[in-house]
Amino acid sequence: DVSSEAGIEIRTPDLKVPMAKSLGVAPYDVDGDGLVDLAVANDTVPN
C-alpha cells in the first residue's frame, strides 16, 4: 500500500480527514508522457 507516499490520499485541508467519495476510475496517459494518469469520479465532492 503506497497510497500515502504516492499522493493518492487526499484529505480535507482543515480537519485532515479523507476527502474522497469515489465511485469510478479511468486510467489514461492524458499528457502523452508515457506514464498512466488516473481520473476519479467522486460523489458530491470534486472529481
All heavy atoms as atom14 arrays in JSON, in Angstrom:
{
  "sequence": "DVSSEAGIEIRTPDLKVPMAKSLGVAPYDVDGDGLVDLAVANDTVPN",
  "atom14_mask": [
    [1, 1, 1, 1, 1, 1, 1, 1, 0, 0, 0, 0, 0, 0],
    [1, 1, 1, 1, 1, 1, 1, 0, 0, 0, 0, 0, 0, 0],
    [1, 1, 1, 1, 1, 1, 0, 0, 0, 0, 0, 0, 0, 0],
    [1, 1, 1, 1, 1, 1, 0, 0, 0, 0, 0, 0, 0, 0],
    [1, 1, 1, 1, 1, 1, 1, 1, 1, 0, 0, 0, 0, 0],
    [1, 1, 1, 1, 1, 0, 0, 0, 0, 0, 0, 0, 0, 0],
    [1, 1, 1, 1, 0, 0, 0, 0, 0, 0, 0, 0, 0, 0],
    [1, 1, 1, 1, 1, 1, 1, 1, 0, 0, 0, 0, 0, 0],
    [1, 1, 1, 1, 1, 1, 1, 1, 1, 0, 0, 0, 0, 0],
    [1, 1, 1, 1, 1, 1, 1, 1, 0, 0, 0, 0, 0, 0],
    [1, 1, 1, 1, 1, 1, 1, 1, 1, 1, 1, 0, 0, 0],
    [1, 1, 1, 1, 1, 1, 1, 0, 0, 0, 0, 0, 0, 0],
    [1, 1, 1, 1, 1, 1, 1, 0, 0, 0, 0, 0, 0, 0],
    [1, 1, 1, 1, 1, 1, 1, 1, 0, 0, 0, 0, 0, 0],
    [1, 1, 1, 1, 1, 1, 1, 1, 0, 0, 0, 0, 0, 0],
    [1, 1, 1, 1, 1, 1, 1, 1, 1, 0, 0, 0, 0, 0],
    [1, 1, 1, 1, 1, 1, 1, 0, 0, 0, 0, 0, 0, 0],
    [1, 1, 1, 1, 1, 1, 1, 0, 0, 0, 0, 0, 0, 0],
    [1, 1, 1, 1, 1, 1, 1, 1, 0, 0, 0, 0, 0, 0],
    [1, 1, 1, 1, 1, 0, 0, 0, 0, 0, 0, 0, 0, 0],
    [1, 1, 1, 1, 1, 1, 1, 1, 1, 0, 0, 0, 0, 0],
    [1, 1, 1, 1, 1, 1, 0, 0, 0, 0, 0, 0, 0, 0],
    [1, 1, 1, 1, 1, 1, 1, 1, 0, 0, 0, 0, 0, 0],
    [1, 1, 1, 1, 0, 0, 0, 0, 0, 0, 0, 0, 0, 0],
    [1, 1, 1, 1, 1, 1, 1, 0, 0, 0, 0, 0, 0, 0],
    [1, 1, 1, 1, 1, 0, 0, 0, 0, 0, 0, 0, 0, 0],
    [1, 1, 1, 1, 1, 1, 1, 0, 0, 0, 0, 0, 0, 0],
    [1, 1, 1, 1, 1, 1, 1, 1, 1, 1, 1, 1, 0, 0],
    [1, 1, 1, 1, 1, 1, 1, 1, 0, 0, 0, 0, 0, 0],
    [1, 1, 1, 1, 1, 1, 1, 0, 0, 0, 0, 0, 0, 0],
    [1, 1, 1, 1, 1, 1, 1, 1, 0, 0, 0, 0, 0, 0],
    [1, 1, 1, 1, 0, 0, 0, 0, 0, 0, 0, 0, 0, 0],
    [1, 1, 1, 1, 1, 1, 1, 1, 0, 0, 0, 0, 0, 0],
    [1, 1, 1, 1, 0, 0, 0, 0, 0, 0, 0, 0, 0, 0],
    [1, 1, 1, 1, 1, 1, 1, 1, 0, 0, 0, 0, 0, 0],
    [1, 1, 1, 1, 1, 1, 1, 0, 0, 0, 0, 0, 0, 0],
    [1, 1, 1, 1, 1, 1, 1, 1, 0, 0, 0, 0, 0, 0],
    [1, 1, 1, 1, 1, 1, 1, 1, 0, 0, 0, 0, 0, 0],
    [1, 1, 1, 1, 1, 0, 0, 0, 0, 0, 0, 0, 0, 0],
    [1, 1, 1, 1, 1, 1, 1, 0, 0, 0, 0, 0, 0, 0],
    [1, 1, 1, 1, 1, 0, 0, 0, 0, 0, 0, 0, 0, 0],
    [1, 1, 1, 1, 1, 1, 1, 1, 0, 0, 0, 0, 0, 0],
    [1, 1, 1, 1, 1, 1, 1, 1, 0, 0, 0, 0, 0, 0],
    [1, 1, 1, 1, 1, 1, 1, 0, 0, 0, 0, 0, 0, 0],
    [1, 1, 1, 1, 1, 1, 1, 0, 0, 0, 0, 0, 0, 0],
    [1, 1, 1, 1, 1, 1, 1, 0, 0, 0, 0, 0, 0, 0],
    [1, 1, 1, 1, 1, 1, 1, 1, 0, 0, 0, 0, 0, 0]
  ],
  "atom14_positions": [
    [[0.85, -1.19, 0.0], [0.0, 0.0, 0.0], [0.89, 1.24, 0.0], [1.55, 1.55, 1.0], [-0.9, -0.01, 1.23], [-1.95, 1.09, 1.2], [-1.74, 2.1, 0.49], [-2.98, 0.97, 1.9], [0.0, 0.0, 0.0], [0.0, 0.0, 0.0], [0.0, 0.0, 0.0], [0.0, 0.0, 0.0], [0.0, 0.0, 0.0], [0.0, 0.0, 0.0]],
    [[0.92, 1.94, -1.14], [1.76, 3.14, -1.27], [0.9, 4.39, -1.43], [1.37, 5.42, -1.93], [2.73, 2.99, -2.47], [3.7, 1.86, -2.22], [1.96, 2.78, -3.77], [0.0, 0.0, 0.0], [0.0, 0.0, 0.0], [0.0, 0.0, 0.0], [0.0, 0.0, 0.0], [0.0, 0.0, 0.0], [0.0, 0.0, 0.0], [0.0, 0.0, 0.0]],
    [[-0.34, 4.32, -0.99], [-1.3, 5.41, -1.2], [-0.8, 6.74, -0.68], [-0.85, 7.77, -1.37], [-2.64, 5.07, -0.54], [-3.08, 3.79, -0.88], [0.0, 0.0, 0.0], [0.0, 0.0, 0.0], [0.0, 0.0, 0.0], [0.0, 0.0, 0.0], [0.0, 0.0, 0.0], [0.0, 0.0, 0.0], [0.0, 0.0, 0.0], [0.0, 0.0, 0.0]],
    [[-0.3, 6.74, 0.54], [0.13, 7.99, 1.16], [1.35, 8.56, 0.48], [1.37, 9.72, 0.07], [0.41, 7.76, 2.66], [0.82, 8.96, 3.27], [0.0, 0.0, 0.0], [0.0, 0.0, 0.0], [0.0, 0.0, 0.0], [0.0, 0.0, 0.0], [0.0, 0.0, 0.0], [0.0, 0.0, 0.0], [0.0, 0.0, 0.0], [0.0, 0.0, 0.0]],
    [[2.4, 7.77, 0.33], [3.64, 8.27, -0.26], [3.47, 8.63, -1.72], [4.22, 9.47, -2.26], [4.75, 7.24, -0.1], [4.49, 5.92, -0.81], [5.4, 4.8, -0.34], [5.2, 4.31, 0.79], [6.31, 4.43, -1.1], [0.0, 0.0, 0.0], [0.0, 0.0, 0.0], [0.0, 0.0, 0.0], [0.0, 0.0, 0.0], [0.0, 0.0, 0.0]],
    [[2.49, 8.01, -2.4], [2.27, 8.3, -3.82], [1.41, 9.53, -4.05], [1.27, 9.98, -5.19], [1.63, 7.09, -4.5], [0.0, 0.0, 0.0], [0.0, 0.0, 0.0], [0.0, 0.0, 0.0], [0.0, 0.0, 0.0], [0.0, 0.0, 0.0], [0.0, 0.0, 0.0], [0.0, 0.0, 0.0], [0.0, 0.0, 0.0], [0.0, 0.0, 0.0]],
    [[0.81, 10.1, -3.0], [-0.03, 11.27, -3.15], [-1.47, 10.98, -3.51], [-2.19, 11.85, -4.0], [0.0, 0.0, 0.0], [0.0, 0.0, 0.0], [0.0, 0.0, 0.0], [0.0, 0.0, 0.0], [0.0, 0.0, 0.0], [0.0, 0.0, 0.0], [0.0, 0.0, 0.0], [0.0, 0.0, 0.0], [0.0, 0.0, 0.0], [0.0, 0.0, 0.0]],
    [[-1.9, 9.76, -3.24], [-3.27, 9.35, -3.59], [-4.27, 9.69, -2.49], [-5.45, 9.89, -2.75], [-3.3, 7.84, -3.89], [-2.48, 7.52, -5.14], [-4.72, 7.32, -4.04], [-2.97, 8.18, -6.4], [0.0, 0.0, 0.0], [0.0, 0.0, 0.0], [0.0, 0.0, 0.0], [0.0, 0.0, 0.0], [0.0, 0.0, 0.0], [0.0, 0.0, 0.0]],
    [[-3.83, 9.75, -1.26], [-4.73, 10.03, -0.13], [-4.98, 11.53, -0.05], [-4.16, 12.29, 0.47], [-4.14, 9.52, 1.17], [-4.12, 8.01, 1.29], [-3.68, 7.55, 2.67], [-3.36, 8.41, 3.52], [-3.66, 6.34, 2.89], [0.0, 0.0, 0.0], [0.0, 0.0, 0.0], [0.0, 0.0, 0.0], [0.0, 0.0, 0.0], [0.0, 0.0, 0.0]],
    [[-6.12, 11.96, -0.54], [-6.5, 13.37, -0.49], [-7.33, 13.62, 0.76], [-8.32, 12.92, 1.0], [-7.3, 13.77, -1.75], [-6.52, 13.39, -3.0], [-7.61, 15.26, -1.72], [-5.16, 14.02, -3.11], [0.0, 0.0, 0.0], [0.0, 0.0, 0.0], [0.0, 0.0, 0.0], [0.0, 0.0, 0.0], [0.0, 0.0, 0.0], [0.0, 0.0, 0.0]],
    [[-6.89, 14.62, 1.53], [-7.57, 14.92, 2.79], [-8.07, 16.36, 2.8], [-7.56, 17.22, 2.08], [-6.63, 14.68, 3.98], [-6.25, 13.21, 4.13], [-5.29, 12.96, 5.28], [-5.01, 11.54, 5.41], [-5.71, 10.7, 6.16], [-6.76, 11.15, 6.86], [-5.41, 9.42, 6.22], [0.0, 0.0, 0.0], [0.0, 0.0, 0.0], [0.0, 0.0, 0.0]],
    [[-9.08, 16.62, 3.63], [-9.62, 17.97, 3.74], [-8.57, 18.85, 4.41], [-7.85, 18.41, 5.31], [-10.9, 17.99, 4.58], [-10.63, 17.47, 5.89], [-11.98, 17.13, 3.93], [0.0, 0.0, 0.0], [0.0, 0.0, 0.0], [0.0, 0.0, 0.0], [0.0, 0.0, 0.0], [0.0, 0.0, 0.0], [0.0, 0.0, 0.0], [0.0, 0.0, 0.0]],
    [[-8.46, 20.11, 3.97], [-7.4, 20.97, 4.49], [-7.57, 21.37, 5.94], [-6.59, 21.71, 6.6], [-7.46, 22.19, 3.57], [-8.84, 22.2, 3.01], [-9.24, 20.76, 2.91], [0.0, 0.0, 0.0], [0.0, 0.0, 0.0], [0.0, 0.0, 0.0], [0.0, 0.0, 0.0], [0.0, 0.0, 0.0], [0.0, 0.0, 0.0], [0.0, 0.0, 0.0]],
    [[-8.8, 21.34, 6.46], [-8.99, 21.8, 7.84], [-8.93, 20.64, 8.84], [-8.1, 20.61, 9.75], [-10.3, 22.57, 7.98], [-11.48, 21.85, 7.39], [-11.29, 20.73, 6.87], [-12.6, 22.39, 7.47], [0.0, 0.0, 0.0], [0.0, 0.0, 0.0], [0.0, 0.0, 0.0], [0.0, 0.0, 0.0], [0.0, 0.0, 0.0], [0.0, 0.0, 0.0]],
    [[-9.78, 19.63, 8.64], [-9.83, 18.53, 9.59], [-8.84, 17.42, 9.26], [-8.65, 16.51, 10.08], [-11.25, 17.95, 9.64], [-12.35, 18.91, 10.12], [-13.69, 18.2, 10.11], [-12.03, 19.46, 11.5], [0.0, 0.0, 0.0], [0.0, 0.0, 0.0], [0.0, 0.0, 0.0], [0.0, 0.0, 0.0], [0.0, 0.0, 0.0], [0.0, 0.0, 0.0]],
    [[-8.26, 17.48, 8.07], [-7.28, 16.47, 7.65], [-7.88, 15.06, 7.65], [-7.21, 14.09, 7.99], [-6.03, 16.51, 8.53], [-5.39, 17.88, 8.66], [-4.94, 18.41, 7.31], [-4.26, 19.78, 7.44], [-3.91, 20.36, 6.11], [0.0, 0.0, 0.0], [0.0, 0.0, 0.0], [0.0, 0.0, 0.0], [0.0, 0.0, 0.0], [0.0, 0.0, 0.0]],
    [[-9.14, 14.96, 7.25], [-9.79, 13.65, 7.16], [-9.93, 13.29, 5.69], [-9.89, 14.15, 4.81], [-11.17, 13.66, 7.85], [-11.02, 13.92, 9.35], [-12.08, 14.71, 7.22], [0.0, 0.0, 0.0], [0.0, 0.0, 0.0], [0.0, 0.0, 0.0], [0.0, 0.0, 0.0], [0.0, 0.0, 0.0], [0.0, 0.0, 0.0], [0.0, 0.0, 0.0]],
    [[-10.09, 12.0, 5.37], [-10.21, 11.6, 3.96], [-11.34, 12.34, 3.24], [-12.43, 12.51, 3.79], [-10.48, 10.1, 4.05], [-9.84, 9.68, 5.33], [-10.06, 10.83, 6.26], [0.0, 0.0, 0.0], [0.0, 0.0, 0.0], [0.0, 0.0, 0.0], [0.0, 0.0, 0.0], [0.0, 0.0, 0.0], [0.0, 0.0, 0.0], [0.0, 0.0, 0.0]],
    [[-11.06, 12.76, 2.02], [-12.0, 13.58, 1.27], [-12.75, 12.8, 0.2], [-13.87, 13.15, -0.18], [-11.25, 14.74, 0.62], [-12.13, 15.7, -0.15], [-11.14, 17.08, -0.77], [-12.41, 18.0, -1.64], [0.0, 0.0, 0.0], [0.0, 0.0, 0.0], [0.0, 0.0, 0.0], [0.0, 0.0, 0.0], [0.0, 0.0, 0.0], [0.0, 0.0, 0.0]],
    [[-12.15, 11.73, -0.33], [-12.72, 11.04, -1.48], [-14.08, 10.41, -1.17], [-14.31, 9.92, -0.06], [-11.76, 9.97, -1.96], [0.0, 0.0, 0.0], [0.0, 0.0, 0.0], [0.0, 0.0, 0.0], [0.0, 0.0, 0.0], [0.0, 0.0, 0.0], [0.0, 0.0, 0.0], [0.0, 0.0, 0.0], [0.0, 0.0, 0.0], [0.0, 0.0, 0.0]],
    [[-14.94, 10.43, -2.16], [-16.18, 9.67, -2.15], [-16.31, 9.1, -3.56], [-17.16, 9.5, -4.35], [-17.38, 10.54, -1.76], [-17.26, 11.07, -0.31], [-18.49, 11.79, 0.17], [-18.3, 12.2, 1.64], [-19.5, 12.88, 2.18], [0.0, 0.0, 0.0], [0.0, 0.0, 0.0], [0.0, 0.0, 0.0], [0.0, 0.0, 0.0], [0.0, 0.0, 0.0]],
    [[-15.43, 8.15, -3.85], [-15.14, 7.75, -5.22], [-15.97, 6.56, -5.66], [-16.09, 5.56, -4.95], [-13.66, 7.41, -5.35], [-12.86, 8.53, -4.96], [0.0, 0.0, 0.0], [0.0, 0.0, 0.0], [0.0, 0.0, 0.0], [0.0, 0.0, 0.0], [0.0, 0.0, 0.0], [0.0, 0.0, 0.0], [0.0, 0.0, 0.0], [0.0, 0.0, 0.0]],
    [[-16.5, 6.66, -6.88], [-17.33, 5.58, -7.45], [-16.79, 5.07, -8.78], [-17.15, 3.96, -9.19], [-18.76, 6.07, -7.63], [-19.56, 6.27, -6.35], [-20.92, 6.9, -6.65], [-19.74, 4.96, -5.6], [0.0, 0.0, 0.0], [0.0, 0.0, 0.0], [0.0, 0.0, 0.0], [0.0, 0.0, 0.0], [0.0, 0.0, 0.0], [0.0, 0.0, 0.0]],
    [[-15.97, 5.84, -9.47], [-15.47, 5.39, -10.77], [-14.04, 5.83, -10.99], [-13.64, 6.91, -10.54], [0.0, 0.0, 0.0], [0.0, 0.0, 0.0], [0.0, 0.0, 0.0], [0.0, 0.0, 0.0], [0.0, 0.0, 0.0], [0.0, 0.0, 0.0], [0.0, 0.0, 0.0], [0.0, 0.0, 0.0], [0.0, 0.0, 0.0], [0.0, 0.0, 0.0]],
    [[-13.27, 5.01, -11.69], [-11.89, 5.36, -12.02], [-11.61, 5.0, -13.48], [-12.08, 3.96, -13.97], [-10.88, 4.66, -11.09], [-11.05, 3.14, -11.12], [-9.44, 5.04, -11.45], [0.0, 0.0, 0.0], [0.0, 0.0, 0.0], [0.0, 0.0, 0.0], [0.0, 0.0, 0.0], [0.0, 0.0, 0.0], [0.0, 0.0, 0.0], [0.0, 0.0, 0.0]],
    [[-10.86, 5.85, -14.17], [-10.5, 5.62, -15.56], [-9.03, 5.96, -15.76], [-8.66, 7.14, -15.7], [-11.37, 6.45, -16.5], [0.0, 0.0, 0.0], [0.0, 0.0, 0.0], [0.0, 0.0, 0.0], [0.0, 0.0, 0.0], [0.0, 0.0, 0.0], [0.0, 0.0, 0.0], [0.0, 0.0, 0.0], [0.0, 0.0, 0.0], [0.0, 0.0, 0.0]],
    [[-8.17, 4.97, -15.98], [-6.75, 5.25, -16.25], [-6.53, 5.71, -17.68], [-7.24, 5.27, -18.6], [-6.07, 3.91, -15.97], [-7.13, 2.88, -16.14], [-8.45, 3.54, -15.86], [0.0, 0.0, 0.0], [0.0, 0.0, 0.0], [0.0, 0.0, 0.0], [0.0, 0.0, 0.0], [0.0, 0.0, 0.0], [0.0, 0.0, 0.0], [0.0, 0.0, 0.0]],
    [[-5.56, 6.58, -17.9], [-5.22, 7.05, -19.24], [-3.96, 7.89, -19.15], [-3.76, 8.65, -18.19], [-6.35, 7.92, -19.82], [-6.48, 7.85, -21.32], [-7.28, 6.88, -21.91], [-5.81, 8.73, -22.15], [-7.41, 6.79, -23.29], [-5.94, 8.66, -23.52], [-6.73, 7.69, -24.09], [-6.85, 7.6, -25.46], [0.0, 0.0, 0.0], [0.0, 0.0, 0.0]],
    [[-3.08, 7.78, -20.15], [-1.91, 8.66, -20.23], [-2.37, 9.95, -20.91], [-2.28, 10.1, -22.12], [-0.78, 7.98, -21.02], [0.44, 8.87, -21.18], [0.48, 9.95, -20.55], [1.34, 8.49, -21.94], [0.0, 0.0, 0.0], [0.0, 0.0, 0.0], [0.0, 0.0, 0.0], [0.0, 0.0, 0.0], [0.0, 0.0, 0.0], [0.0, 0.0, 0.0]],
    [[-2.83, 10.89, -20.1], [-3.5, 12.07, -20.63], [-2.54, 12.99, -21.37], [-2.87, 13.53, -22.43], [-4.19, 12.85, -19.48], [-4.87, 14.1, -20.01], [-5.22, 11.95, -18.78], [0.0, 0.0, 0.0], [0.0, 0.0, 0.0], [0.0, 0.0, 0.0], [0.0, 0.0, 0.0], [0.0, 0.0, 0.0], [0.0, 0.0, 0.0], [0.0, 0.0, 0.0]],
    [[-1.36, 13.19, -20.84], [-0.44, 14.16, -21.42], [0.62, 13.52, -22.31], [1.55, 14.2, -22.77], [0.23, 15.0, -20.34], [0.95, 14.15, -19.31], [0.76, 12.92, -19.31], [1.7, 14.71, -18.48], [0.0, 0.0, 0.0], [0.0, 0.0, 0.0], [0.0, 0.0, 0.0], [0.0, 0.0, 0.0], [0.0, 0.0, 0.0], [0.0, 0.0, 0.0]],
    [[0.51, 12.22, -22.58], [1.39, 11.57, -23.53], [2.84, 11.46, -23.11], [3.73, 11.34, -23.97], [0.0, 0.0, 0.0], [0.0, 0.0, 0.0], [0.0, 0.0, 0.0], [0.0, 0.0, 0.0], [0.0, 0.0, 0.0], [0.0, 0.0, 0.0], [0.0, 0.0, 0.0], [0.0, 0.0, 0.0], [0.0, 0.0, 0.0], [0.0, 0.0, 0.0]],
    [[3.09, 11.44, -21.8], [4.47, 11.35, -21.34], [4.91, 9.92, -21.06], [6.01, 9.7, -20.53], [4.68, 12.22, -20.09], [3.83, 11.76, -18.9], [3.03, 10.81, -19.06], [3.96, 12.35, -17.81], [0.0, 0.0, 0.0], [0.0, 0.0, 0.0], [0.0, 0.0, 0.0], [0.0, 0.0, 0.0], [0.0, 0.0, 0.0], [0.0, 0.0, 0.0]],
    [[4.05, 8.96, -21.4], [4.39, 7.56, -21.18], [4.04, 7.03, -19.81], [4.3, 5.86, -19.51], [0.0, 0.0, 0.0], [0.0, 0.0, 0.0], [0.0, 0.0, 0.0], [0.0, 0.0, 0.0], [0.0, 0.0, 0.0], [0.0, 0.0, 0.0], [0.0, 0.0, 0.0], [0.0, 0.0, 0.0], [0.0, 0.0, 0.0], [0.0, 0.0, 0.0]],
    [[3.43, 7.86, -18.97], [3.04, 7.46, -17.63], [1.52, 7.55, -17.49], [0.91, 8.55, -17.91], [3.71, 8.36, -16.57], [5.24, 8.32, -16.54], [5.78, 9.43, -15.65], [5.74, 6.96, -16.06], [0.0, 0.0, 0.0], [0.0, 0.0, 0.0], [0.0, 0.0, 0.0], [0.0, 0.0, 0.0], [0.0, 0.0, 0.0], [0.0, 0.0, 0.0]],
    [[0.91, 6.54, -16.91], [-0.55, 6.47, -16.83], [-1.07, 7.36, -15.7], [-0.63, 7.26, -14.55], [-1.02, 5.02, -16.61], [-2.54, 4.98, -16.49], [-0.55, 4.13, -17.74], [0.0, 0.0, 0.0], [0.0, 0.0, 0.0], [0.0, 0.0, 0.0], [0.0, 0.0, 0.0], [0.0, 0.0, 0.0], [0.0, 0.0, 0.0], [0.0, 0.0, 0.0]],
    [[-2.02, 8.23, -16.06], [-2.7, 9.08, -15.1], [-4.04, 8.45, -14.74], [-4.48, 7.49, -15.37], [-2.9, 10.47, -15.7], [-1.62, 11.02, -16.32], [-0.64, 11.2, -15.58], [-1.6, 11.23, -17.55], [0.0, 0.0, 0.0], [0.0, 0.0, 0.0], [0.0, 0.0, 0.0], [0.0, 0.0, 0.0], [0.0, 0.0, 0.0], [0.0, 0.0, 0.0]],
    [[-4.73, 9.01, -13.73], [-5.97, 8.42, -13.25], [-7.02, 9.5, -13.04], [-6.79, 10.46, -12.29], [-5.74, 7.69, -11.92], [-4.8, 6.49, -11.94], [-4.27, 6.22, -10.55], [-5.5, 5.26, -12.49], [0.0, 0.0, 0.0], [0.0, 0.0, 0.0], [0.0, 0.0, 0.0], [0.0, 0.0, 0.0], [0.0, 0.0, 0.0], [0.0, 0.0, 0.0]],
    [[-8.18, 9.36, -13.69], [-9.32, 10.23, -13.41], [-10.28, 9.48, -12.5], [-10.55, 8.29, -12.71], [-10.03, 10.61, -14.7], [0.0, 0.0, 0.0], [0.0, 0.0, 0.0], [0.0, 0.0, 0.0], [0.0, 0.0, 0.0], [0.0, 0.0, 0.0], [0.0, 0.0, 0.0], [0.0, 0.0, 0.0], [0.0, 0.0, 0.0], [0.0, 0.0, 0.0]],
    [[-10.78, 10.17, -11.49], [-11.65, 9.55, -10.49], [-12.94, 10.35, -10.36], [-12.9, 11.56, -10.14], [-10.95, 9.46, -9.12], [-11.88, 8.88, -8.06], [-9.67, 8.62, -9.23], [0.0, 0.0, 0.0], [0.0, 0.0, 0.0], [0.0, 0.0, 0.0], [0.0, 0.0, 0.0], [0.0, 0.0, 0.0], [0.0, 0.0, 0.0], [0.0, 0.0, 0.0]],
    [[-14.08, 9.67, -10.52], [-15.39, 10.31, -10.37], [-15.81, 10.22, -8.91], [-15.9, 9.13, -8.35], [-16.42, 9.62, -11.25], [0.0, 0.0, 0.0], [0.0, 0.0, 0.0], [0.0, 0.0, 0.0], [0.0, 0.0, 0.0], [0.0, 0.0, 0.0], [0.0, 0.0, 0.0], [0.0, 0.0, 0.0], [0.0, 0.0, 0.0], [0.0, 0.0, 0.0]],
    [[-16.07, 11.38, -8.31], [-16.49, 11.45, -6.92], [-17.95, 11.85, -6.79], [-18.49, 12.55, -7.65], [-15.63, 12.48, -6.16], [-14.27, 11.91, -5.77], [-14.17, 10.77, -5.33], [-13.22, 12.7, -5.93], [0.0, 0.0, 0.0], [0.0, 0.0, 0.0], [0.0, 0.0, 0.0], [0.0, 0.0, 0.0], [0.0, 0.0, 0.0], [0.0, 0.0, 0.0]],
    [[-18.55, 11.41, -5.71], [-19.97, 11.65, -5.44], [-20.1, 12.77, -4.42], [-19.84, 12.57, -3.23], [-20.6, 10.36, -4.93], [-22.11, 10.44, -4.8], [-22.68, 11.51, -5.07], [-22.73, 9.42, -4.44], [0.0, 0.0, 0.0], [0.0, 0.0, 0.0], [0.0, 0.0, 0.0], [0.0, 0.0, 0.0], [0.0, 0.0, 0.0], [0.0, 0.0, 0.0]],
    [[-20.51, 13.96, -4.87], [-20.76, 15.16, -4.07], [-19.5, 15.85, -3.58], [-19.59, 16.83, -2.82], [-21.69, 14.89, -2.85], [-21.0, 14.14, -1.85], [-22.97, 14.17, -3.27], [0.0, 0.0, 0.0], [0.0, 0.0, 0.0], [0.0, 0.0, 0.0], [0.0, 0.0, 0.0], [0.0, 0.0, 0.0], [0.0, 0.0, 0.0], [0.0, 0.0, 0.0]],
    [[-18.34, 15.41, -3.98], [-17.1, 16.16, -3.76], [-16.38, 16.25, -5.11], [-16.69, 15.5, -6.04], [-16.2, 15.52, -2.69], [-16.92, 15.45, -1.35], [-15.72, 14.14, -3.12], [0.0, 0.0, 0.0], [0.0, 0.0, 0.0], [0.0, 0.0, 0.0], [0.0, 0.0, 0.0], [0.0, 0.0, 0.0], [0.0, 0.0, 0.0], [0.0, 0.0, 0.0]],
    [[-15.42, 17.17, -5.26], [-14.78, 17.36, -6.56], [-14.11, 16.1, -7.09], [-13.54, 15.3, -6.34], [-13.74, 18.46, -6.28], [-14.29, 19.21, -5.1], [-14.97, 18.18, -4.27], [0.0, 0.0, 0.0], [0.0, 0.0, 0.0], [0.0, 0.0, 0.0], [0.0, 0.0, 0.0], [0.0, 0.0, 0.0], [0.0, 0.0, 0.0], [0.0, 0.0, 0.0]],
    [[-14.2, 15.92, -8.4], [-13.51, 14.81, -9.05], [-12.0, 15.01, -8.97], [-11.51, 16.13, -8.84], [-13.92, 14.72, -10.53], [-15.4, 14.55, -10.71], [-16.04, 13.77, -10.01], [-15.98, 15.29, -11.65], [0.0, 0.0, 0.0], [0.0, 0.0, 0.0], [0.0, 0.0, 0.0], [0.0, 0.0, 0.0], [0.0, 0.0, 0.0], [0.0, 0.0, 0.0]]
  ]
}
